[in-house]
Structure formats: structure tokens, C-alpha cells
């Protein structure tokens, strides 16, 4: 080995010096592609190829007769806006996505090429750039042998979408300054600059080398996968629907708690959009109210790396841990999705109803450790003078005998927490907000937008942190039990 040699890194592998022979070959391939495309265009222009007149495109629009639907254009008019989350500004209509394709409609040889390239990527970790180059080569070969064929390949991402190998993760732009989250670039409600800071949200249209970007790329990316899309894929698994409905036929005994449906939240408190009990289970509702599938979910928040087996809902960008107010910015897409799933639901083909069954979802609880609970629920820090999420006990009274008696201190309520949170949100400056937190121990929480959610009773500390790690030691004894069992 030469003394001047060095290991080949991944960066150097992608930035090798240009090869004259390779550049000449690439120019020839581009010329062949242009010639083939020109020939195809001349066929259309000369009228030699007949285009069928029965081609139609189906677009999904809200029902004009449904008064509950809101015109999306109203979101752009502040004086007409009543609810910033209705309609959901982060909703992505899968019916109009460009990468949607039916595998059954593709020729066999095209499906084989898609499967081969995806297999090379998943099995042998072939880089994405190499897979894209391989797909481009196959496209040119098919055009060379059949000039009338259309370009079947684009990128590895499209191949995985066609094969349903990997669920596409969407990317939301985030303001680099204030961390506000905005709808994706494909949304009609997308913004190019932050409405508060007037800072660009996307990279320039051209790279440093002068190449045009194919897609709008956010400067700060917020990868997310809506819960509605995850539910659709989960219900495709045989037997899952019966498992999700199995709790309705389960025998129950008073005072014995086996699952969440034995607790008071699901049994008596959690309401649906019609004002009735969300998890109603009368004798004539063994398949759900109006044959709807009702699901309850919990939201877990923590600052650690999730393993590959976890269901990742959102990943907040770093590099530092977010402040309580910044966390609320990243919660907004989650709350908007949950509000739509509870209020309108989504229709999904299931085993019992292949034509589509209405599925509604409610957030039953936010379960995390105590620092995360305070950030998510809009409570002040756990080191605050009023540190408890359930009552207004003062830190100086923690060692008194009254701390062991239930009802010794005024309880916190959801109405009061929501009211104080709105007051905090409307304050004019951060300094005024700091004074407000010192006096009232309350911040704004996006969860207050969910009409059925109780910020005091449905934000809880998980059992591991509550019992085994001793975080409950900083809470009054009656509040520990409420936080774990209510």
C-alpha cells in the first residue's frame, strides 16, 4: 500500500473525481433518452396514437350536503377561522398522492424490477443513490427495447410505496427560529416563510452547484406518520378487528381492574362527538355504536431513541431537548389528527365490512415520566412551588400531616387549567409569561383543543417512573394513587 493512500470513506465514495469515459457514457444515455422521448412526442403530435376518451380521474372532496364540513379556504382567512384544527391543516389525502399505484396494474417484468431493487436495498443495504441509479438504467433499457413504453420507475421511495414495503414518512417544515410546525409542501395551506418570524422554511430552489431541486426541502424537518395511516395498515392484518372489539364481550366484576375499560375514564367520563359515552356498550351495541369501531390510544413521550419495534408517531428534531412551549408546537399535528379521528372518523375496509367501517379514535391518556407530564399537560416545572398536577399543595406543606389526607388542598380542575392556559397563550411577551408561570404554575397545552380530554385526570405518570424509580416521592400520597389509578 502506498504511503499516501487512505481508507475509502462513504463521503469520498460519493465524491470521486469525474471519469471521462463515464461522463461520455452518461451523455450517450441522455441522448438516447431524449431521442426516444422526441419520437414519442411526435407520435402524439401526428395523431398516430389514439387517446381513449373514457379516462377519468377521481378526486376526494367533502360532501357539499354535509354542513359539518368546512371549506379549506376558510383557514386562510383569519377573520373567518373558528378552529385552527378543523379542517386538519396537516391532513394528506392519499387519493391524490403521486406515488400511489396499484401493483396489479403493472406488467410482470416491471413488478419484478421493483421487487429486485427493494430487495437489494433491504437485504444488502444497497445505498438509495445506487438503487435510484439502477432504476434509471432499467428505465433506459426498457425505452431502448420498446420506445412506446412509459417510464415505470422513479426512485426507491416510489418502489417501496408500490410494493407496500415501507410506509412513507411525511416531512413537515419547522421554523428554525420559533419552532412552529407548518403543513407539508404538498398541502395547499403550506407556507414558504414563517408567519411569525418571516424566516424561510425551505432550502433554496437550487443547490450550491446550481442544480435545481426536484422537491421542496425543509430547512428543519419534522418526520411524522399520522395515526390515521397507521390504523389503516394495522386493520389489514387478519384477526386484528376481532381483537379490538373483544373487550365488548368480556365479563367484568366491580372493583376488579383488568384493563382500561374497568376505569372511570372509559366507563363514565369519556364522551363522543354526539355527547354520549364514547365506549358505550349496551346490549344492542356489541359491534359498536352504529356499527362503528371505537379505539382508545395513549400517547407516550420521552427523550430517548426508540428501537425498531416501537410504533413511532412523531420524532421531534434536535439537537437539544425542546422547551415546554416548543413541545406544544410539535404537538399540534398530533392533536389535529386526533381531533379529526374523534369528530369525523375515517372509513377503512375491514374483515367484517369490506365496503368500509367507520373508525373513531379517542386519546385515553398521556403516559410518561413526571418532567414530560409537566411539559405536555401545560403544568409548571416539578420544582415549582406548586408542583402537583392534581391539587394546589405548596412545596412547604409537603412534609405536613395534611399532605397524607385526601381533600386537604384545593384540587386542580380541567376547566381552570384550560382557562389559565389560554391566558398564558395570549400574553404579549416571554417576560410576562414567566411572571404568569410563577404566580399560576400553568402553561398553554395543545391538548386543551380536544373537547373530551381532561388535562388533570388523563395526564398520568407511568407505573415504572411512579413506583419503581421513585418519582412519586415528590407528590402527596393521595395524588400518587390518583395519578396511577384514576
Protein backbone atom coordinates (compact mmCIF):
# COMPACT_ATOMS: atom_id res chain seq x y z
CA UNK A 1 0.00 0.00 0.00
CA UNK A 2 1.28 3.45 -0.87
CA UNK A 3 2.21 5.80 1.94
CA UNK A 4 -0.17 8.39 0.55
CA UNK A 5 -3.15 6.03 0.43
CA UNK A 6 -6.07 6.41 2.79
CA UNK A 7 -9.26 4.47 3.60
CA UNK A 8 -12.23 4.97 1.29
CA UNK A 9 -14.95 6.68 3.33
CA UNK A 10 -18.60 6.96 2.39
CA UNK A 11 -18.14 10.68 1.70
CA UNK A 12 -15.22 10.03 -0.64
CA UNK A 13 -17.18 7.26 -2.36
CA UNK A 14 -19.88 9.72 -3.35
CA UNK A 15 -17.42 12.46 -4.34
CA UNK A 16 -14.98 10.61 -6.60
CA UNK A 17 -13.22 12.52 -9.41
CA UNK A 18 -15.14 12.54 -12.68
CA UNK A 19 -14.29 9.73 -15.11
CA UNK A 20 -14.17 10.89 -18.77
CA UNK A 21 -15.42 7.54 -20.06
CA UNK A 22 -18.28 7.51 -17.56
CA UNK A 23 -19.25 11.08 -18.47
CA UNK A 24 -19.28 10.17 -22.18
CA UNK A 25 -21.48 7.14 -21.45
CA UNK A 26 -23.89 9.28 -19.43
CA UNK A 27 -24.13 11.79 -22.28
CA UNK A 28 -24.91 8.99 -24.75
CA UNK A 29 -27.62 7.61 -22.45
CA UNK A 30 -29.18 11.07 -22.10
CA UNK A 31 -29.13 11.50 -25.89
CA UNK A 32 -30.84 8.13 -26.37
CA UNK A 33 -33.47 9.06 -23.80
CA UNK A 34 -34.12 12.42 -25.49
CA UNK A 35 -34.41 10.77 -28.89
CA UNK A 36 -36.90 8.22 -27.62
CA UNK A 37 -38.99 10.89 -25.89
CA UNK A 38 -38.94 13.06 -29.02
CA UNK A 39 -40.15 10.11 -31.04
CA UNK A 40 -42.98 9.51 -28.57
CA UNK A 41 -44.00 13.16 -28.68
CA UNK A 42 -44.03 13.13 -32.49
CA UNK A 43 -46.39 10.13 -32.42
CA UNK A 44 -48.83 12.08 -30.23
CA UNK A 45 -48.49 15.21 -32.37
CA UNK A 46 -49.13 13.34 -35.65
CA UNK A 47 -52.28 11.77 -34.25
CA UNK A 48 -50.98 8.21 -34.80
CA UNK A 49 -51.77 7.22 -31.24
CA UNK A 50 -55.41 7.34 -30.22
CA UNK A 51 -56.07 8.52 -26.70
CA UNK A 52 -59.17 6.96 -25.07
CA UNK A 53 -61.91 9.39 -24.12
CA UNK A 54 -63.19 7.42 -21.14
CA UNK A 55 -60.21 8.23 -18.95
CA UNK A 56 -61.36 9.88 -15.75
CA UNK A 57 -59.74 10.93 -12.51
CA UNK A 58 -61.40 10.61 -9.13
CA UNK A 59 -60.76 13.30 -6.57
CA UNK A 60 -61.96 13.29 -2.99
CA UNK A 61 -63.88 16.38 -1.94
CA UNK A 62 -66.09 16.96 1.10
CA UNK A 63 -69.76 16.28 0.61
CA UNK A 64 -71.47 19.53 -0.39
CA UNK A 65 -74.60 18.50 1.50
CA UNK A 66 -72.66 17.88 4.72
CA UNK A 67 -72.82 21.09 6.73
CA UNK A 68 -70.27 19.74 9.21
CA UNK A 69 -67.50 20.01 6.59
CA UNK A 70 -65.57 23.26 6.46
CA UNK A 71 -64.23 24.90 3.33
CA UNK A 72 -60.39 24.62 3.46
CA UNK A 73 -60.09 28.10 2.04
CA UNK A 74 -61.58 29.46 5.25
CA UNK A 75 -58.32 28.54 7.00
CA UNK A 76 -56.52 31.24 5.05
CA UNK A 77 -58.92 33.93 6.33
CA UNK A 78 -58.17 34.76 9.97
CA UNK A 79 -61.44 36.62 10.48
CA UNK A 80 -63.43 33.51 9.47
CA UNK A 81 -61.40 30.96 11.42
CA UNK A 82 -63.17 29.40 14.39
CA UNK A 83 -60.98 26.35 14.93
CA UNK A 84 -57.40 26.20 13.68
CA UNK A 85 -57.51 22.40 13.68
CA UNK A 86 -60.78 21.93 11.77
CA UNK A 87 -60.25 21.06 8.99
CA UNK A 88 -56.94 19.39 9.80
CA UNK A 89 -54.24 21.54 8.11
CA UNK A 90 -51.78 18.63 8.24
CA UNK A 91 -54.11 16.14 6.53
CA UNK A 92 -52.64 14.45 3.44
CA UNK A 93 -55.20 12.97 1.05
CA UNK A 94 -53.79 9.63 -0.08
CA UNK A 95 -56.06 9.56 -3.13
CA UNK A 96 -54.22 12.44 -4.79
CA UNK A 97 -50.68 11.46 -3.89
CA UNK A 98 -48.45 10.99 -6.93
CA UNK A 99 -46.69 7.89 -5.65
CA UNK A 100 -49.85 5.84 -5.35
CA UNK A 101 -50.02 2.91 -7.81
CA UNK A 102 -51.72 -0.45 -7.97
CA UNK A 103 -49.28 -3.36 -8.15
CA UNK A 104 -51.84 -5.47 -10.04
CA UNK A 105 -51.89 -2.97 -12.91
CA UNK A 106 -48.13 -3.16 -13.51
CA UNK A 107 -46.61 -5.59 -16.04
CA UNK A 108 -44.91 -8.60 -14.51
CA UNK A 109 -41.40 -7.58 -15.59
CA UNK A 110 -41.87 -4.11 -14.05
CA UNK A 111 -43.04 -5.61 -10.75
CA UNK A 112 -40.03 -7.93 -10.74
CA UNK A 113 -37.64 -5.00 -11.20
CA UNK A 114 -39.33 -3.09 -8.36
CA UNK A 115 -39.05 -6.13 -6.08
CA UNK A 116 -35.41 -6.77 -7.04
CA UNK A 117 -34.24 -3.24 -6.30
CA UNK A 118 -36.14 -3.09 -2.99
CA UNK A 119 -34.72 -6.47 -2.01
CA UNK A 120 -31.14 -5.32 -2.74
CA UNK A 121 -31.73 -2.28 -0.56
CA UNK A 122 -33.32 -4.14 2.37
CA UNK A 123 -31.23 -7.30 2.31
CA UNK A 124 -27.77 -5.98 1.36
CA UNK A 125 -28.19 -2.31 2.35
CA UNK A 126 -27.56 -1.03 -1.17
CA UNK A 127 -27.49 2.78 -0.84
CA UNK A 128 -30.51 4.73 -2.01
CA UNK A 129 -28.47 6.62 -4.59
CA UNK A 130 -27.30 3.32 -6.09
CA UNK A 131 -30.88 1.99 -6.17
CA UNK A 132 -32.07 5.14 -7.92
CA UNK A 133 -29.28 4.80 -10.48
CA UNK A 134 -30.23 1.14 -11.05
CA UNK A 135 -33.87 2.09 -11.61
CA UNK A 136 -32.81 4.77 -14.09
CA UNK A 137 -30.72 2.24 -16.03
CA UNK A 138 -33.64 -0.21 -16.20
CA UNK A 139 -35.88 2.60 -17.45
CA UNK A 140 -33.49 3.46 -20.27
CA UNK A 141 -33.18 -0.20 -21.25
CA UNK A 142 -36.94 -0.61 -21.43
CA UNK A 143 -37.22 2.54 -23.53
CA UNK A 144 -34.48 1.27 -25.82
CA UNK A 145 -36.27 -2.04 -26.47
CA UNK A 146 -39.78 -0.55 -26.55
CA UNK A 147 -39.99 3.13 -27.37
CA UNK A 148 -43.76 3.17 -26.75
CA UNK A 149 -43.44 2.13 -23.11
CA UNK A 150 -43.79 4.73 -20.39
CA UNK A 151 -41.19 5.39 -17.73
CA UNK A 152 -42.15 2.92 -14.97
CA UNK A 153 -39.56 3.85 -12.36
CA UNK A 154 -38.68 6.98 -10.49
CA UNK A 155 -36.99 6.40 -7.13
CA UNK A 156 -36.56 3.74 -4.46
CA UNK A 157 -39.17 5.56 -2.38
CA UNK A 158 -41.76 5.06 -5.12
CA UNK A 159 -40.83 1.39 -5.49
CA UNK A 160 -41.33 0.79 -1.78
CA UNK A 161 -44.69 2.58 -1.91
CA UNK A 162 -45.86 0.44 -4.84
CA UNK A 163 -44.80 -2.76 -3.08
CA UNK A 164 -46.18 -1.52 0.28
CA UNK A 165 -42.81 -2.46 1.77
CA UNK A 166 -42.25 0.71 3.74
CA UNK A 167 -44.87 3.17 4.90
CA UNK A 168 -43.78 6.62 3.68
CA UNK A 169 -42.95 9.02 6.49
CA UNK A 170 -44.08 12.56 5.79
CA UNK A 171 -41.93 15.61 6.48
CA UNK A 172 -43.25 18.85 7.95
CA UNK A 173 -41.30 22.12 7.76
CA UNK A 174 -40.30 23.71 11.05
CA UNK A 175 -39.33 27.32 11.61
CA UNK A 176 -35.62 27.40 12.60
CA UNK A 177 -36.28 30.33 14.93
CA UNK A 178 -39.58 29.82 16.78
CA UNK A 179 -40.04 26.08 16.03
CA UNK A 180 -43.60 26.50 14.72
CA UNK A 181 -44.65 23.50 12.62
CA UNK A 182 -46.33 24.06 9.25
CA UNK A 183 -48.24 21.83 6.79
CA UNK A 184 -46.18 19.83 4.27
CA UNK A 185 -45.06 21.19 0.92
CA UNK A 186 -47.81 19.24 -0.87
CA UNK A 187 -50.56 20.92 1.15
CA UNK A 188 -52.46 23.95 -0.21
CA UNK A 189 -52.02 25.51 3.25
CA UNK A 190 -48.23 25.33 3.06
CA UNK A 191 -46.16 28.46 3.77
CA UNK A 192 -42.77 29.30 2.28
CA UNK A 193 -41.87 31.54 5.23
CA UNK A 194 -42.77 31.57 8.90
CA UNK A 195 -45.78 33.80 9.52
CA UNK A 196 -44.32 34.97 12.84
CA UNK A 197 -40.60 35.31 12.12
CA UNK A 198 -40.66 35.80 8.33
CA UNK A 199 -37.87 33.20 8.09
CA UNK A 200 -37.57 30.85 5.12
CA UNK A 201 -38.86 27.34 5.84
CA UNK A 202 -37.39 25.63 2.75
CA UNK A 203 -33.96 25.42 1.19
CA UNK A 204 -33.32 27.49 -1.97
CA UNK A 205 -34.64 26.11 -5.23
CA UNK A 206 -31.08 25.47 -6.44
CA UNK A 207 -28.20 23.68 -4.77
CA UNK A 208 -24.76 25.21 -4.25
CA UNK A 209 -23.69 23.62 -7.54
CA UNK A 210 -26.56 25.28 -9.41
CA UNK A 211 -28.72 22.17 -9.80
CA UNK A 212 -32.47 22.56 -9.43
CA UNK A 213 -34.07 20.68 -6.54
CA UNK A 214 -36.73 18.21 -7.60
CA UNK A 215 -38.70 18.68 -4.35
CA UNK A 216 -39.10 21.45 -1.81
CA UNK A 217 -36.83 20.52 1.08
CA UNK A 218 -37.48 21.98 4.56
CA UNK A 219 -34.54 23.51 6.39
CA UNK A 220 -35.63 21.83 9.64
CA UNK A 221 -37.54 18.59 9.11
CA UNK A 222 -40.19 17.11 11.38
CA UNK A 223 -40.76 13.48 10.30
CA UNK A 224 -44.17 12.12 11.23
CA UNK A 225 -46.60 9.36 10.39
CA UNK A 226 -50.28 10.17 11.09
CA UNK A 227 -52.14 7.81 13.36
CA UNK A 228 -54.88 7.53 10.73
CA UNK A 229 -52.43 5.94 8.28
CA UNK A 230 -51.09 3.54 10.91
CA UNK A 231 -54.61 2.39 11.78
CA UNK A 232 -55.35 1.65 8.12
CA UNK A 233 -52.33 -0.62 7.82
CA UNK A 234 -52.95 -2.34 11.17
CA UNK A 235 -56.57 -3.21 10.31
CA UNK A 236 -55.34 -5.02 7.18
CA UNK A 237 -53.90 -7.75 9.42
CA UNK A 238 -56.34 -10.69 9.70
CA UNK A 239 -57.92 -11.05 13.14
CA UNK A 240 -57.00 -7.59 14.44
CA UNK A 241 -60.54 -6.24 14.14
CA UNK A 242 -61.92 -9.05 16.34
CA UNK A 243 -59.23 -8.39 18.95
CA UNK A 244 -60.06 -4.67 19.03
CA UNK A 245 -63.76 -5.47 19.52
CA UNK A 246 -63.10 -8.30 22.00
CA UNK A 247 -63.45 -6.11 25.11
CA UNK A 248 -67.18 -5.72 24.47
CA UNK A 249 -67.90 -9.38 25.27
CA UNK A 250 -65.59 -9.61 28.28
CA UNK A 251 -67.20 -10.29 31.68
CA UNK A 252 -66.42 -7.72 34.37
CA UNK A 253 -66.59 -7.65 38.15
CA UNK A 254 -66.99 -4.47 40.25
CA UNK A 255 -63.78 -3.46 41.99
CA UNK A 256 -61.55 -5.66 39.81
CA UNK A 257 -59.42 -3.73 37.30
CA UNK A 258 -58.14 -5.79 34.37
CA UNK A 259 -57.93 -3.15 31.62
CA UNK A 260 -58.78 0.49 30.89
CA UNK A 261 -62.47 -0.31 30.37
CA UNK A 262 -62.78 -1.05 34.10
CA UNK A 263 -61.69 2.51 34.97
CA UNK A 264 -63.91 5.54 35.38
CA UNK A 265 -62.50 7.46 32.39
CA UNK A 266 -63.69 4.95 29.78
CA UNK A 267 -66.76 3.80 31.70
CA UNK A 268 -68.40 7.09 32.62
CA UNK A 269 -66.42 10.18 31.55
CA UNK A 270 -65.05 9.90 28.02
CA UNK A 271 -67.65 11.34 25.62
CA UNK A 272 -68.10 11.06 21.87
CA UNK A 273 -68.88 13.89 19.44
CA UNK A 274 -72.62 13.22 19.92
CA UNK A 275 -72.32 13.82 23.68
CA UNK A 276 -72.90 10.17 24.53
CA UNK A 277 -70.42 7.78 26.11
CA UNK A 278 -67.61 7.12 23.62
CA UNK A 279 -67.14 3.48 24.67
CA UNK A 280 -70.86 2.78 25.00
CA UNK A 281 -71.53 -0.97 25.28
CA UNK A 282 -75.28 -1.53 25.55
CA UNK A 283 -76.89 -4.85 24.68
CA UNK A 284 -77.58 -3.64 21.12
CA UNK A 285 -74.08 -2.23 20.61
CA UNK A 286 -71.97 -5.39 20.60
CA UNK A 287 -70.40 -4.20 17.34
CA UNK A 288 -70.09 -0.61 18.49
CA UNK A 289 -72.50 2.34 18.37
CA UNK A 290 -73.89 2.49 14.81
CA UNK A 291 -71.53 -0.42 13.99
CA UNK A 292 -68.53 1.89 14.45
CA UNK A 293 -65.15 0.66 15.62
CA UNK A 294 -64.17 2.74 18.65
CA UNK A 295 -60.47 2.77 19.55
CA UNK A 296 -58.65 4.23 22.55
CA UNK A 297 -54.98 5.19 22.34
CA UNK A 298 -52.41 6.60 24.73
CA UNK A 299 -49.58 8.99 23.96
CA UNK A 300 -46.15 8.27 25.37
CA UNK A 301 -43.49 10.98 25.33
CA UNK A 302 -39.85 10.58 26.27
CA UNK A 303 -36.46 11.83 25.13
CA UNK A 304 -34.68 8.68 24.05
CA UNK A 305 -34.03 6.64 20.90
CA UNK A 306 -36.84 4.22 20.10
CA UNK A 307 -35.99 0.73 18.88
CA UNK A 308 -37.15 -0.65 15.54
CA UNK A 309 -40.11 -2.50 17.07
CA UNK A 310 -41.75 0.62 18.51
CA UNK A 311 -44.64 2.43 16.85
CA UNK A 312 -43.13 5.86 16.25
CA UNK A 313 -45.79 8.55 15.97
CA UNK A 314 -43.58 11.66 15.77
CA UNK A 315 -39.88 12.40 16.12
CA UNK A 316 -39.06 15.89 17.35
CA UNK A 317 -35.91 17.34 15.73
CA UNK A 318 -32.90 18.10 17.90
CA UNK A 319 -30.17 18.64 18.69
CA UNK A 320 -31.33 19.97 22.09
CA UNK A 321 -34.29 19.00 24.24
CA UNK A 322 -37.27 21.19 23.46
CA UNK A 323 -38.64 23.77 25.87
CA UNK A 324 -42.24 23.35 27.14
CA UNK A 325 -43.56 25.91 24.63
CA UNK A 326 -41.65 24.32 21.76
CA UNK A 327 -43.11 20.93 22.63
CA UNK A 328 -46.59 22.37 22.10
CA UNK A 329 -45.62 23.35 18.54
CA UNK A 330 -44.73 19.75 17.77
CA UNK A 331 -47.90 18.51 19.46
CA UNK A 332 -50.19 20.44 17.13
CA UNK A 333 -50.13 17.92 14.21
CA UNK A 334 -50.87 15.13 16.67
CA UNK A 335 -53.81 16.98 18.20
CA UNK A 336 -55.19 17.94 14.78
CA UNK A 337 -55.09 14.30 13.69
CA UNK A 338 -56.71 13.10 16.93
CA UNK A 339 -59.44 15.73 16.70
CA UNK A 340 -60.34 14.64 13.17
CA UNK A 341 -60.34 10.95 14.14
CA UNK A 342 -62.68 11.65 17.08
CA UNK A 343 -65.01 14.15 15.40
CA UNK A 344 -65.38 12.68 11.89
CA UNK A 345 -63.58 9.33 11.99
CA UNK A 346 -62.20 7.53 8.95
CA UNK A 347 -63.76 4.79 6.85
CA UNK A 348 -61.48 1.76 6.50
CA UNK A 349 -62.20 -1.61 4.80
CA UNK A 350 -62.20 -4.35 7.46
CA UNK A 351 -62.89 -8.08 7.58
CA UNK A 352 -66.45 -7.61 8.83
CA UNK A 353 -67.20 -4.70 6.50
CA UNK A 354 -65.11 -4.88 3.29
CA UNK A 355 -67.02 -1.91 1.93
CA UNK A 356 -65.66 0.22 4.77
CA UNK A 357 -66.26 0.62 8.51
CA UNK A 358 -66.25 3.96 10.30
CA UNK A 359 -63.43 4.09 12.86
CA UNK A 360 -63.28 6.72 15.60
CA UNK A 361 -60.33 7.23 17.92
CA UNK A 362 -60.03 8.95 21.31
CA UNK A 363 -56.94 9.76 23.33
CA UNK A 364 -57.48 7.99 26.63
CA UNK A 365 -54.30 9.08 28.43
CA UNK A 366 -50.90 10.70 28.09
CA UNK A 367 -48.49 8.37 29.88
CA UNK A 368 -44.89 9.43 30.55
CA UNK A 369 -42.47 10.40 33.31
CA UNK A 370 -43.05 13.44 35.53
CA UNK A 371 -40.90 16.02 33.65
CA UNK A 372 -42.61 15.08 30.38
CA UNK A 373 -46.04 15.18 32.05
CA UNK A 374 -45.48 18.78 33.08
CA UNK A 375 -44.36 19.77 29.56
CA UNK A 376 -47.19 18.02 27.73
CA UNK A 377 -50.01 18.97 30.12
CA UNK A 378 -49.07 22.63 30.45
CA UNK A 379 -48.06 22.38 34.10
CA UNK A 380 -45.15 24.30 35.58
CA UNK A 381 -41.88 22.55 36.40
CA UNK A 382 -41.90 19.81 39.01
CA UNK A 383 -39.52 22.03 41.02
CA UNK A 384 -42.13 24.83 41.13
CA UNK A 385 -43.64 25.92 44.44
CA UNK A 386 -46.94 24.42 43.21
CA UNK A 387 -45.52 21.19 41.86
CA UNK A 388 -48.52 18.85 41.97
CA UNK A 389 -50.67 18.14 38.89
CA UNK A 390 -53.72 17.14 40.94
CA UNK A 391 -54.00 19.74 43.72
CA UNK A 392 -52.68 23.14 44.77
CA UNK A 393 -50.42 21.93 47.57
CA UNK A 394 -47.44 24.14 48.29
CA UNK A 395 -43.92 22.68 48.48
CA UNK A 396 -43.60 23.94 52.06
CA UNK A 397 -46.63 21.83 53.07
CA UNK A 398 -45.27 18.59 51.62
CA UNK A 399 -43.91 17.45 54.97
CA UNK A 400 -47.05 18.23 56.97
CA UNK A 401 -49.57 15.65 58.12
CA UNK A 402 -52.23 17.23 55.90
CA UNK A 403 -50.34 16.06 52.83
CA UNK A 404 -51.46 12.49 53.66
CA UNK A 405 -55.14 13.41 53.77
CA UNK A 406 -57.28 13.45 50.65
CA UNK A 407 -59.02 16.76 50.03
CA UNK A 408 -56.76 18.74 52.34
CA UNK A 409 -55.77 21.04 49.46
CA UNK A 410 -57.90 22.57 46.66
CA UNK A 411 -57.96 20.24 43.64
CA UNK A 412 -56.89 21.30 40.19
CA UNK A 413 -59.60 21.12 37.52
CA UNK A 414 -59.56 20.81 33.76
CA UNK A 415 -61.66 23.97 33.31
CA UNK A 416 -59.24 26.01 35.37
CA UNK A 417 -56.20 24.54 33.61
CA UNK A 418 -57.64 25.30 30.14
CA UNK A 419 -58.60 28.84 31.14
CA UNK A 420 -55.18 29.62 32.59
CA UNK A 421 -53.51 28.04 29.55
CA UNK A 422 -55.40 30.32 27.16
CA UNK A 423 -54.46 33.34 29.27
CA UNK A 424 -50.82 32.28 29.12
CA UNK A 425 -51.03 31.82 25.33
CA UNK A 426 -52.38 35.35 24.81
CA UNK A 427 -49.74 37.12 26.91
CA UNK A 428 -47.70 39.66 24.91
CA UNK A 429 -44.09 38.74 25.79
CA UNK A 430 -41.94 35.94 27.29
CA UNK A 431 -41.15 38.05 30.35
CA UNK A 432 -44.85 38.43 31.15
CA UNK A 433 -45.28 34.70 30.64
CA UNK A 434 -42.53 33.98 33.17
CA UNK A 435 -44.32 36.08 35.78
CA UNK A 436 -47.59 34.30 34.97
CA UNK A 437 -45.96 30.87 35.45
CA UNK A 438 -44.53 31.95 38.79
CA UNK A 439 -47.98 33.03 40.00
CA UNK A 440 -50.27 30.38 38.47
CA UNK A 441 -47.94 27.41 37.65
CA UNK A 442 -49.66 26.92 34.28
CA UNK A 443 -48.67 27.00 30.62
CA UNK A 444 -50.64 26.50 27.41
CA UNK A 445 -51.23 22.93 26.20
CA UNK A 446 -52.38 21.83 22.74
CA UNK A 447 -54.31 19.01 24.40
CA UNK A 448 -56.89 21.57 25.52
CA UNK A 449 -58.16 21.57 21.90
CA UNK A 450 -59.57 18.07 22.41
CA UNK A 451 -63.10 18.65 23.78
CA UNK A 452 -63.21 15.31 25.59
CA UNK A 453 -59.74 15.40 27.15
CA UNK A 454 -59.20 16.21 30.83
CA UNK A 455 -55.75 17.71 31.43
CA UNK A 456 -55.81 16.83 35.12
CA UNK A 457 -57.18 13.28 35.08
CA UNK A 458 -55.91 11.97 31.73
CA UNK A 459 -52.26 13.06 32.00
CA UNK A 460 -50.61 10.48 34.21
CA UNK A 461 -47.19 9.20 35.27
CA UNK A 462 -46.44 5.70 34.06
CA UNK A 463 -46.12 2.95 36.73
CA UNK A 464 -42.41 2.41 36.15
CA UNK A 465 -41.49 6.01 36.97
CA UNK A 466 -44.28 6.38 39.53
CA UNK A 467 -43.40 3.34 41.64
CA UNK A 468 -40.09 1.74 40.72
CA UNK A 469 -38.00 4.86 40.07
CA UNK A 470 -39.45 6.84 42.97
CA UNK A 471 -40.74 9.89 41.09
CA UNK A 472 -43.91 9.70 43.14
CA UNK A 473 -41.92 10.61 46.25
CA UNK A 474 -42.21 14.29 45.32
CA UNK A 475 -46.02 14.09 45.18
CA UNK A 476 -48.55 13.94 48.03
CA UNK A 477 -49.67 10.38 48.84
CA UNK A 478 -53.33 10.84 47.80
CA UNK A 479 -52.22 12.35 44.48
CA UNK A 480 -49.91 9.39 43.79
CA UNK A 481 -52.82 7.00 43.90
CA UNK A 482 -54.99 9.25 41.74
CA UNK A 483 -52.22 9.71 39.22
CA UNK A 484 -51.81 5.95 38.85
CA UNK A 485 -55.36 4.57 39.18
CA UNK A 486 -57.94 7.20 38.14
